[in-house]
């Protein structure tokens, strides 16, 4: 039986403090060591350095749902 995964939470009090950058940096380090890494959701907010860290990582496709006859990203309606 395979070992269970670990959950790591990155907290930041403001946008732009480096949460996504830190997570993607760790993901690249782990992928480089042979760990399977899949990105569930990421928003680069136009930051080039964040987009560079995404290169080469598997990213799950976003799901679009229809709500009140309008297609919307699924993250907008989950709670």
C-alpha atoms as a PDB file:
ATOM      1  CA  UNK A   1       0.000   0.000   0.000  1.00  0.00           C
ATOM      2  CA  UNK A   2       1.295   3.460  -0.877  1.00  0.00           C
ATOM      3  CA  UNK A   3       1.930   6.044   1.795  1.00  0.00           C
ATOM      4  CA  UNK A   4      -0.768   8.656   2.288  1.00  0.00           C
ATOM      5  CA  UNK A   5      -0.215  12.108   0.867  1.00  0.00           C
ATOM      6  CA  UNK A   6       0.386  15.202   2.919  1.00  0.00           C
ATOM      7  CA  UNK A   7      -1.555  18.445   2.907  1.00  0.00           C
ATOM      8  CA  UNK A   8       0.406  21.650   3.249  1.00  0.00           C
ATOM      9  CA  UNK A   9      -1.416  24.965   3.640  1.00  0.00           C
ATOM     10  CA  UNK A  10       0.186  28.275   2.709  1.00  0.00           C
ATOM     11  CA  UNK A  11      -1.329  31.294   4.436  1.00  0.00           C
ATOM     12  CA  UNK A  12      -0.878  34.922   3.534  1.00  0.00           C
ATOM     13  CA  UNK A  13      -2.667  38.000   4.809  1.00  0.00           C
ATOM     14  CA  UNK A  14      -2.608  39.895   1.523  1.00  0.00           C
ATOM     15  CA  UNK A  15      -2.557  39.283  -2.220  1.00  0.00           C
ATOM     16  CA  UNK A  16       0.887  39.148  -3.754  1.00  0.00           C
ATOM     17  CA  UNK A  17       2.757  37.889  -0.680  1.00  0.00           C
ATOM     18  CA  UNK A  18       3.999  34.756  -2.470  1.00  0.00           C
ATOM     19  CA  UNK A  19       1.598  31.906  -1.605  1.00  0.00           C
ATOM     20  CA  UNK A  20       1.227  30.591  -5.153  1.00  0.00           C
ATOM     21  CA  UNK A  21       4.901  31.207  -5.883  1.00  0.00           C
ATOM     22  CA  UNK A  22       5.932  29.201  -2.792  1.00  0.00           C
ATOM     23  CA  UNK A  23       3.527  26.348  -3.573  1.00  0.00           C
ATOM     24  CA  UNK A  24       4.635  26.099  -7.199  1.00  0.00           C
ATOM     25  CA  UNK A  25       8.290  26.242  -6.194  1.00  0.00           C
ATOM     26  CA  UNK A  26       7.750  23.324  -3.818  1.00  0.00           C
ATOM     27  CA  UNK A  27       5.782  21.456  -6.502  1.00  0.00           C
ATOM     28  CA  UNK A  28       8.682  21.821  -8.948  1.00  0.00           C
ATOM     29  CA  UNK A  29      11.191  20.626  -6.325  1.00  0.00           C
ATOM     30  CA  UNK A  30       9.074  17.564  -5.546  1.00  0.00           C
ATOM     31  CA  UNK A  31       8.463  16.805  -9.232  1.00  0.00           C
ATOM     32  CA  UNK A  32      12.208  17.037  -9.781  1.00  0.00           C
ATOM     33  CA  UNK A  33      12.680  14.364  -7.097  1.00  0.00           C
ATOM     34  CA  UNK A  34      10.216  12.055  -8.859  1.00  0.00           C
ATOM     35  CA  UNK A  35       7.001  12.776  -6.920  1.00  0.00           C
ATOM     36  CA  UNK A  36       3.772  12.867  -8.948  1.00  0.00           C
ATOM     37  CA  UNK A  37       2.491  16.454  -8.829  1.00  0.00           C
ATOM     38  CA  UNK A  38      -0.804  17.742 -10.240  1.00  0.00           C
ATOM     39  CA  UNK A  39      -1.959  21.355  -9.969  1.00  0.00           C
ATOM     40  CA  UNK A  40      -5.666  21.472  -9.090  1.00  0.00           C
ATOM     41  CA  UNK A  41      -6.216  25.211  -9.559  1.00  0.00           C
ATOM     42  CA  UNK A  42      -3.961  28.199  -9.978  1.00  0.00           C
ATOM     43  CA  UNK A  43      -4.520  31.824 -10.915  1.00  0.00           C
ATOM     44  CA  UNK A  44      -1.407  33.668 -12.096  1.00  0.00           C
ATOM     45  CA  UNK A  45      -3.009  37.145 -12.014  1.00  0.00           C
ATOM     46  CA  UNK A  46      -0.740  38.017 -14.930  1.00  0.00           C
ATOM     47  CA  UNK A  47       2.450  37.454 -12.951  1.00  0.00           C
ATOM     48  CA  UNK A  48       5.106  36.154 -15.341  1.00  0.00           C
ATOM     49  CA  UNK A  49       7.230  34.504 -12.627  1.00  0.00           C
ATOM     50  CA  UNK A  50       4.225  32.484 -11.436  1.00  0.00           C
ATOM     51  CA  UNK A  51       3.430  31.386 -14.999  1.00  0.00           C
ATOM     52  CA  UNK A  52       7.049  30.263 -15.500  1.00  0.00           C
ATOM     53  CA  UNK A  53       6.802  27.996 -12.438  1.00  0.00           C
ATOM     54  CA  UNK A  54       3.726  26.316 -13.970  1.00  0.00           C
ATOM     55  CA  UNK A  55       5.667  25.205 -17.045  1.00  0.00           C
ATOM     56  CA  UNK A  56       6.059  21.437 -17.110  1.00  0.00           C
ATOM     57  CA  UNK A  57       3.558  20.724 -14.316  1.00  0.00           C
ATOM     58  CA  UNK A  58       0.315  18.848 -14.980  1.00  0.00           C
ATOM     59  CA  UNK A  59      -2.682  21.151 -14.504  1.00  0.00           C
ATOM     60  CA  UNK A  60      -6.230  19.825 -14.132  1.00  0.00           C
ATOM     61  CA  UNK A  61      -8.641  21.376 -16.646  1.00  0.00           C
ATOM     62  CA  UNK A  62     -11.194  23.813 -15.257  1.00  0.00           C
ATOM     63  CA  UNK A  63     -14.793  22.697 -15.287  1.00  0.00           C
ATOM     64  CA  UNK A  64     -17.484  25.035 -16.606  1.00  0.00           C
ATOM     65  CA  UNK A  65     -20.980  24.707 -15.185  1.00  0.00           C
ATOM     66  CA  UNK A  66     -24.216  26.381 -16.226  1.00  0.00           C
ATOM     67  CA  UNK A  67     -26.036  28.377 -13.589  1.00  0.00           C
ATOM     68  CA  UNK A  68     -29.197  30.287 -14.456  1.00  0.00           C
ATOM     69  CA  UNK A  69     -28.530  29.680 -18.168  1.00  0.00           C
ATOM     70  CA  UNK A  70     -25.057  31.270 -17.979  1.00  0.00           C
ATOM     71  CA  UNK A  71     -21.865  29.228 -18.169  1.00  0.00           C
ATOM     72  CA  UNK A  72     -19.587  30.092 -15.283  1.00  0.00           C
ATOM     73  CA  UNK A  73     -16.354  28.681 -13.878  1.00  0.00           C
ATOM     74  CA  UNK A  74     -17.214  26.071 -11.272  1.00  0.00           C
ATOM     75  CA  UNK A  75     -15.228  27.780  -8.501  1.00  0.00           C
ATOM     76  CA  UNK A  76     -17.690  30.673  -8.479  1.00  0.00           C
ATOM     77  CA  UNK A  77     -20.543  28.525  -7.179  1.00  0.00           C
ATOM     78  CA  UNK A  78     -18.896  26.161  -4.711  1.00  0.00           C
ATOM     79  CA  UNK A  79     -18.953  26.867  -1.007  1.00  0.00           C
END
